[in-house]
Amino acid sequence: MKKRLGAAIWGAGWVSAEHLKSWLNNPNSEVIAMGARRAEQVKERLAEAGVDGKVEIYTSLEKILQRKDIDVISICLPAYLQAQAAMLAAEAGKHLLVEKPVAKTITELKQLRDVVCKAGVKTVVGFVLRWNPMVQIVKNLIGEGWLGKIIYCRFAYLHELGPWYSGFEWARTRAMGGSVTLLGGCHAIDTMRYLVDDDATEAVAFSTRGHRFDFEYNPTVVGLVRFRNGAVGQIAASQELHMPYLFPMEIMGSLGAIRDGKLWSEKIKGQTGWANIPSIMPDSGDVAHHPFQGEIDHLVDCILNNKESHASITDSVKTHEIVFAMDDSASKSGQPVKLPLI
């Protein structure tokens, strides 16, 4: 394959600006096209990035996919539109970066996985926190045995959504793929999965509503996930808690523990208190804070060196299965749901 990959972006919402910036900053890619339903919105994004007039603008995904000089495409759409666009791109032979969530139902998820596998394209799903520096540090510490056997962990995605959010109308609507677990809690679930590094076998959850009756679904969910290796994870997600954004991250094992940016481990002889690890935390809901550059650099490396990503669509099926299992359990007043689902 040629050294510089031809890149395109489909969708021009909030997150697409970070995709555009990161594709432009990758030395092995060239942004050739960007499209959305409204050309005016695409022009705004290109102007913000300083490349207005230098990138072709489209209002048809099919026309973008017809271009032979495009190798890879970012799909940055609302949840209820992602899967169909991703399948079209995969069938056209384009490598994919698909924003999360990639599907709104388990049936759609399986269909997308099968299409991608048949096409043989490289994929990355937008669980961008896998590239957060603190998450990477914790991943390395676990791999080096600092925590021993993982026993219990807690993750949460607590992000109040209001009318300021540009996707609010569809994000609060169940018919369009809405659920707090699917739209935000999936980040907490995926980060937990990535760090525990094992398959889930069962999930149970309860949901509630405090005061936000403008959601079609309960905007607060709390659940438990059991892993094959015996570890138990606790997940919480809320779009209604009236407080600043929080993404707490706690992992406790037989030899030590991580609580956000603090470490306790038997490996630190003489330790009398929590050791601080100064790093960039996953502590902001602003997409400009997220490590999209690392995510896109990773996908480019996978394409150029013909290797599978740890964040591929095939892998992300397991995260989405936990999401759907928790939602199913919550809808049945906490009835346990066995995994996998497909």
Protein backbone atom coordinates (compact mmCIF):
# COMPACT_ATOMS: atom_id res chain seq x y z
CA MET A 1 0.00 0.00 0.00
CA LYS A 2 1.12 3.54 -0.67
CA LYS A 3 2.79 5.31 2.25
CA ARG A 4 0.30 8.18 2.60
CA LEU A 5 -3.25 7.03 3.15
CA GLY A 6 -6.12 8.93 1.60
CA ALA A 7 -8.50 9.78 4.45
CA ALA A 8 -12.11 10.95 4.52
CA ILE A 9 -14.55 11.96 7.25
CA TRP A 10 -18.30 11.41 7.10
CA GLY A 11 -20.19 13.55 9.60
CA ALA A 12 -19.51 17.10 10.72
CA GLY A 13 -20.64 17.24 14.33
CA TRP A 14 -18.68 18.09 17.48
CA VAL A 15 -16.35 15.09 17.45
CA SER A 16 -15.53 15.33 13.73
CA ALA A 17 -13.40 18.42 14.39
CA GLU A 18 -11.01 16.35 16.48
CA HIS A 19 -10.91 13.59 13.86
CA LEU A 20 -10.06 16.15 11.19
CA LYS A 21 -7.32 17.73 13.26
CA SER A 22 -5.75 14.34 14.04
CA TRP A 23 -5.87 13.06 10.45
CA LEU A 24 -4.21 16.30 9.33
CA ASN A 25 -1.46 15.86 11.94
CA ASN A 26 -0.64 12.27 10.99
CA PRO A 27 2.39 12.26 8.64
CA ASN A 28 1.21 9.14 6.80
CA SER A 29 -2.27 10.37 5.90
CA GLU A 30 -3.80 13.03 3.67
CA VAL A 31 -7.36 14.31 4.16
CA ILE A 32 -8.98 14.17 0.74
CA ALA A 33 -12.69 14.48 1.45
CA MET A 34 -15.17 15.39 4.17
CA GLY A 35 -18.93 15.13 3.96
CA ALA A 36 -22.24 15.43 5.78
CA ARG A 37 -25.89 16.01 5.03
CA ARG A 38 -25.32 19.79 5.18
CA ALA A 39 -22.37 21.14 3.20
CA GLU A 40 -22.38 24.35 5.28
CA GLN A 41 -21.48 22.41 8.41
CA VAL A 42 -18.57 20.73 6.63
CA LYS A 43 -17.30 24.12 5.45
CA GLU A 44 -17.36 25.36 9.04
CA ARG A 45 -15.25 22.43 10.23
CA LEU A 46 -12.74 22.83 7.41
CA ALA A 47 -12.48 26.57 8.04
CA GLU A 48 -11.84 25.95 11.76
CA ALA A 49 -8.98 23.62 10.80
CA GLY A 50 -7.58 26.08 8.26
CA VAL A 51 -8.06 23.78 5.26
CA ASP A 52 -11.18 25.27 3.69
CA GLY A 53 -10.85 24.95 -0.09
CA LYS A 54 -8.20 22.23 0.21
CA VAL A 55 -10.52 19.30 0.96
CA GLU A 56 -13.35 18.07 -1.28
CA ILE A 57 -16.84 18.51 0.21
CA TYR A 58 -19.59 15.93 -0.27
CA THR A 59 -23.21 15.49 0.78
CA SER A 60 -23.29 11.84 -0.33
CA LEU A 61 -21.41 9.03 1.43
CA GLU A 62 -21.76 6.83 -1.63
CA LYS A 63 -19.84 9.37 -3.75
CA ILE A 64 -17.04 9.51 -1.21
CA LEU A 65 -16.80 5.72 -1.20
CA GLN A 66 -16.54 5.64 -5.00
CA ARG A 67 -13.19 7.45 -4.86
CA LYS A 68 -10.31 5.03 -5.32
CA ASP A 69 -7.84 7.43 -3.69
CA ILE A 70 -9.60 7.13 -0.30
CA ASP A 71 -8.25 4.29 1.84
CA VAL A 72 -9.75 5.02 5.24
CA ILE A 73 -12.77 6.87 6.56
CA SER A 74 -13.91 8.20 9.94
CA ILE A 75 -17.63 7.69 10.60
CA CYS A 76 -18.81 10.41 13.01
CA LEU A 77 -22.60 10.15 13.12
CA PRO A 78 -25.38 9.84 15.72
CA ALA A 79 -25.72 6.34 17.18
CA TYR A 80 -28.72 5.38 15.09
CA LEU A 81 -26.87 6.07 11.81
CA GLN A 82 -23.41 4.65 12.51
CA ALA A 83 -23.82 0.98 11.63
CA GLN A 84 -25.35 1.44 8.18
CA ALA A 85 -22.69 3.96 7.14
CA ALA A 86 -19.90 1.74 8.49
CA MET A 87 -21.19 -1.29 6.61
CA LEU A 88 -21.34 0.66 3.34
CA ALA A 89 -17.76 1.81 3.86
CA ALA A 90 -16.51 -1.69 4.71
CA GLU A 91 -18.23 -3.17 1.65
CA ALA A 92 -16.46 -0.51 -0.44
CA GLY A 93 -13.13 -1.77 0.93
CA LYS A 94 -12.39 1.24 3.13
CA HIS A 95 -10.63 0.91 6.46
CA LEU A 96 -12.70 2.35 9.30
CA LEU A 97 -12.64 4.51 12.39
CA VAL A 98 -16.20 4.36 13.76
CA GLU A 99 -17.31 6.55 16.61
CA LYS A 100 -19.03 4.84 19.51
CA PRO A 101 -21.55 3.36 19.86
CA VAL A 102 -21.27 1.47 16.58
CA ALA A 103 -24.78 -0.02 16.73
CA LYS A 104 -28.05 0.56 18.55
CA THR A 105 -29.23 -3.07 18.74
CA ILE A 106 -27.61 -6.47 19.16
CA THR A 107 -28.89 -7.51 15.71
CA GLU A 108 -27.29 -4.48 14.08
CA LEU A 109 -24.07 -5.13 16.01
CA LYS A 110 -23.81 -8.70 14.72
CA GLN A 111 -24.55 -7.59 11.17
CA LEU A 112 -21.83 -4.94 11.30
CA ARG A 113 -19.29 -7.40 12.71
CA ASP A 114 -20.03 -9.94 9.99
CA VAL A 115 -19.80 -7.37 7.18
CA VAL A 116 -16.47 -6.04 8.46
CA CYS A 117 -15.01 -9.54 8.87
CA LYS A 118 -16.05 -10.47 5.34
CA ALA A 119 -14.56 -7.25 3.91
CA GLY A 120 -11.24 -7.81 5.68
CA VAL A 121 -10.69 -4.11 6.42
CA LYS A 122 -8.87 -2.72 9.45
CA THR A 123 -11.09 -1.06 12.03
CA VAL A 124 -10.92 0.96 15.22
CA VAL A 125 -13.93 1.90 17.36
CA GLY A 126 -13.92 5.31 19.02
CA PHE A 127 -13.29 4.18 22.59
CA VAL A 128 -10.69 6.90 22.68
CA LEU A 129 -9.96 6.64 26.42
CA ARG A 130 -7.83 3.59 25.67
CA TRP A 131 -5.21 6.15 24.60
CA ASN A 132 -5.55 8.37 27.67
CA PRO A 133 -2.13 8.60 29.39
CA MET A 134 -3.40 7.52 32.84
CA VAL A 135 -5.30 4.59 31.34
CA GLN A 136 -2.13 3.55 29.53
CA ILE A 137 -0.12 3.80 32.77
CA VAL A 138 -2.66 1.64 34.61
CA LYS A 139 -2.63 -0.89 31.74
CA ASN A 140 1.16 -1.17 32.01
CA LEU A 141 1.11 -1.45 35.82
CA ILE A 142 -1.41 -4.29 35.65
CA GLY A 143 0.63 -6.03 32.95
CA GLU A 144 3.77 -5.79 35.09
CA GLY A 145 2.00 -7.31 38.10
CA TRP A 146 1.83 -4.25 40.36
CA LEU A 147 -1.77 -5.02 41.37
CA GLY A 148 -1.60 -8.82 41.29
CA LYS A 149 -4.84 -10.65 40.49
CA ILE A 150 -7.66 -8.19 39.79
CA ILE A 151 -10.54 -8.78 42.21
CA TYR A 152 -12.80 -5.73 42.10
CA CYS A 153 -13.05 -2.55 40.04
CA ARG A 154 -15.31 0.48 39.77
CA PHE A 155 -15.78 2.78 36.81
CA ALA A 156 -18.33 5.48 36.12
CA TYR A 157 -19.33 7.95 33.42
CA LEU A 158 -21.15 10.83 35.12
CA HIS A 159 -21.93 13.60 32.66
CA GLU A 160 -24.99 15.81 32.94
CA LEU A 161 -26.49 16.52 29.50
CA GLY A 162 -28.52 19.64 28.92
CA PRO A 163 -29.94 21.57 25.97
CA TRP A 164 -26.41 22.84 25.27
CA TYR A 165 -25.54 19.39 23.88
CA SER A 166 -25.91 19.48 20.10
CA GLY A 167 -27.12 15.88 19.91
CA PHE A 168 -29.66 16.22 22.70
CA GLU A 169 -32.80 15.65 20.62
CA TRP A 170 -31.72 12.24 19.36
CA ALA A 171 -29.58 11.32 22.36
CA ARG A 172 -32.56 11.35 24.74
CA THR A 173 -34.74 9.25 22.41
CA ARG A 174 -34.88 5.48 22.83
CA ALA A 175 -36.17 4.93 19.28
CA MET A 176 -33.00 6.54 17.92
CA GLY A 177 -30.66 4.34 19.91
CA GLY A 178 -30.63 6.29 23.12
CA SER A 179 -29.69 4.88 26.54
CA VAL A 180 -27.31 6.33 29.09
CA THR A 181 -25.31 3.09 29.00
CA LEU A 182 -24.98 3.14 25.21
CA LEU A 183 -24.21 6.84 24.79
CA GLY A 184 -21.80 7.44 27.68
CA GLY A 185 -21.57 4.47 29.99
CA CYS A 186 -19.97 2.47 27.18
CA HIS A 187 -16.74 4.44 27.79
CA ALA A 188 -16.63 3.24 31.39
CA ILE A 189 -17.50 -0.32 30.35
CA ASP A 190 -14.87 -0.40 27.62
CA THR A 191 -12.13 1.04 29.85
CA MET A 192 -12.98 -1.57 32.48
CA ARG A 193 -12.85 -4.36 29.86
CA TYR A 194 -9.56 -3.07 28.46
CA LEU A 195 -7.90 -3.05 31.89
CA VAL A 196 -9.38 -6.26 33.34
CA ASP A 197 -8.48 -7.90 30.00
CA ASP A 198 -10.96 -10.77 30.16
CA ASP A 199 -14.40 -11.70 28.85
CA ALA A 200 -17.56 -10.90 30.80
CA THR A 201 -19.88 -13.79 31.67
CA GLU A 202 -22.83 -12.04 33.33
CA ALA A 203 -24.30 -8.58 33.94
CA VAL A 204 -27.00 -7.17 36.20
CA ALA A 205 -28.21 -3.57 36.45
CA PHE A 206 -30.82 -1.23 37.87
CA SER A 207 -31.87 2.12 36.47
CA THR A 208 -33.55 5.16 37.96
CA ARG A 209 -34.70 8.67 37.22
CA GLY A 210 -34.15 11.47 39.66
CA HIS A 211 -35.65 14.54 38.04
CA ARG A 212 -35.02 14.41 34.29
CA PHE A 213 -38.30 13.47 32.64
CA ASP A 214 -37.20 14.76 29.23
CA PHE A 215 -35.43 11.43 28.53
CA GLU A 216 -37.44 8.51 27.13
CA TYR A 217 -35.23 6.19 29.17
CA ASN A 218 -34.02 6.30 32.77
CA PRO A 219 -30.89 8.52 32.65
CA THR A 220 -29.07 6.83 35.55
CA VAL A 221 -27.91 3.18 35.54
CA VAL A 222 -25.80 1.19 38.02
CA GLY A 223 -24.69 -2.37 37.33
CA LEU A 224 -22.33 -5.22 38.11
CA VAL A 225 -20.33 -7.29 35.64
CA ARG A 226 -18.77 -10.68 36.37
CA PHE A 227 -15.64 -11.72 34.44
CA ARG A 228 -14.46 -15.19 33.52
CA ASN A 229 -11.37 -14.84 35.75
CA GLY A 230 -13.56 -14.12 38.79
CA ALA A 231 -13.16 -10.34 38.86
CA VAL A 232 -16.27 -8.26 39.52
CA GLY A 233 -16.75 -4.79 38.08
CA GLN A 234 -19.16 -2.06 39.13
CA ILE A 235 -20.38 0.38 36.49
CA ALA A 236 -22.39 3.59 36.89
CA ALA A 237 -23.58 5.99 34.22
CA SER A 238 -25.72 9.10 34.50
CA GLN A 239 -26.79 11.99 32.32
CA GLU A 240 -28.74 13.78 35.05
CA LEU A 241 -26.50 14.17 38.13
CA HIS A 242 -26.09 17.89 38.71
CA MET A 243 -22.34 18.20 39.18
CA PRO A 244 -19.14 18.55 37.13
CA TYR A 245 -18.09 15.67 34.86
CA LEU A 246 -16.54 12.67 36.60
CA PHE A 247 -14.89 9.49 35.29
CA PRO A 248 -13.75 7.70 38.46
CA MET A 249 -11.47 4.72 37.89
CA GLU A 250 -10.62 2.25 40.66
CA ILE A 251 -9.01 -1.19 40.31
CA MET A 252 -8.18 -3.37 43.32
CA GLY A 253 -6.17 -6.58 43.30
CA SER A 254 -4.32 -9.07 45.47
CA LEU A 255 -1.09 -7.01 45.56
CA GLY A 256 -2.27 -3.42 45.19
CA ALA A 257 -4.77 -0.92 43.93
CA ILE A 258 -5.24 2.13 41.72
CA ARG A 259 -7.68 4.88 42.70
CA ASP A 260 -7.74 7.44 39.91
CA GLY A 261 -4.17 8.81 39.97
CA LYS A 262 -3.07 7.11 43.19
CA LEU A 263 -1.20 3.81 43.57
CA TRP A 264 -0.77 1.39 46.46
CA SER A 265 1.34 -1.71 45.83
CA GLU A 266 3.31 -4.37 47.66
CA LYS A 267 6.05 -3.68 45.14
CA ILE A 268 6.75 -0.31 46.79
CA LYS A 269 8.52 -1.43 49.95
CA GLY A 270 7.99 0.85 52.94
CA GLN A 271 4.99 2.62 51.37
CA THR A 272 2.87 4.27 54.08
CA GLY A 273 0.26 5.98 51.93
CA TRP A 274 -1.08 6.36 48.42
CA ALA A 275 1.57 7.35 45.85
CA ASN A 276 0.48 10.04 43.39
CA ILE A 277 1.01 9.38 39.68
CA PRO A 278 1.01 12.74 37.89
CA SER A 279 -0.52 12.29 34.45
CA ILE A 280 -3.41 13.36 32.24
CA MET A 281 -6.61 11.90 33.67
CA PRO A 282 -9.81 11.01 31.79
CA ASP A 283 -11.54 13.81 33.68
CA SER A 284 -13.27 15.87 30.99
CA GLY A 285 -16.27 15.32 28.74
CA ASP A 286 -14.92 17.83 26.23
CA VAL A 287 -13.86 16.01 23.06
CA ALA A 288 -10.93 18.43 22.70
CA HIS A 289 -9.47 16.79 25.83
CA HIS A 290 -9.60 13.28 24.39
CA PRO A 291 -6.51 11.60 22.82
CA PHE A 292 -7.77 11.29 19.23
CA GLN A 293 -4.24 11.69 17.87
CA GLY A 294 -3.10 8.48 19.54
CA GLU A 295 -6.20 6.66 18.32
CA ILE A 296 -5.77 7.72 14.69
CA ASP A 297 -2.00 7.16 14.71
CA HIS A 298 -2.75 3.64 15.96
CA LEU A 299 -5.21 2.93 13.13
CA VAL A 300 -2.74 4.20 10.52
CA ASP A 301 -0.05 1.94 11.98
CA CYS A 302 -2.43 -1.05 11.83
CA ILE A 303 -3.25 -0.35 8.18
CA LEU A 304 0.32 0.22 7.05
CA ASN A 305 1.68 -2.79 8.94
CA ASN A 306 -1.29 -5.11 8.33
CA LYS A 307 -2.11 -5.85 11.96
CA GLU A 308 -5.34 -6.00 13.93
CA SER A 309 -6.21 -3.34 16.48
CA HIS A 310 -6.96 -4.10 20.13
CA ALA A 311 -9.92 -1.72 19.61
CA SER A 312 -11.33 -3.30 16.45
CA ILE A 313 -15.03 -3.70 15.76
CA THR A 314 -14.65 -7.41 16.54
CA ASP A 315 -13.25 -6.56 19.97
CA SER A 316 -15.79 -3.78 20.59
CA VAL A 317 -18.62 -6.29 20.13
CA LYS A 318 -17.75 -7.49 23.66
CA THR A 319 -18.11 -3.98 25.09
CA HIS A 320 -21.42 -3.43 23.31
CA GLU A 321 -22.69 -6.80 24.53
CA ILE A 322 -22.19 -5.68 28.14
CA VAL A 323 -24.03 -2.44 27.30
CA PHE A 324 -27.01 -4.29 25.87
CA ALA A 325 -26.96 -6.82 28.71
CA MET A 326 -27.04 -4.05 31.33
CA ASP A 327 -29.88 -2.27 29.56
CA ASP A 328 -31.80 -5.54 29.26
CA SER A 329 -31.26 -6.34 32.93
CA ALA A 330 -32.31 -2.85 34.03
CA SER A 331 -35.50 -3.11 31.96
CA LYS A 332 -36.31 -6.34 33.84
CA SER A 333 -35.77 -4.94 37.35
CA GLY A 334 -32.28 -6.37 37.77
CA GLN A 335 -32.67 -9.80 36.25
CA PRO A 336 -29.17 -11.22 35.51
CA VAL A 337 -28.20 -11.56 31.84
CA LYS A 338 -25.66 -14.16 30.70
CA LEU A 339 -22.89 -13.23 28.27
CA PRO A 340 -21.95 -13.43 25.43
CA LEU A 341 -25.10 -12.45 23.58
CA ILE A 342 -23.94 -13.36 20.06
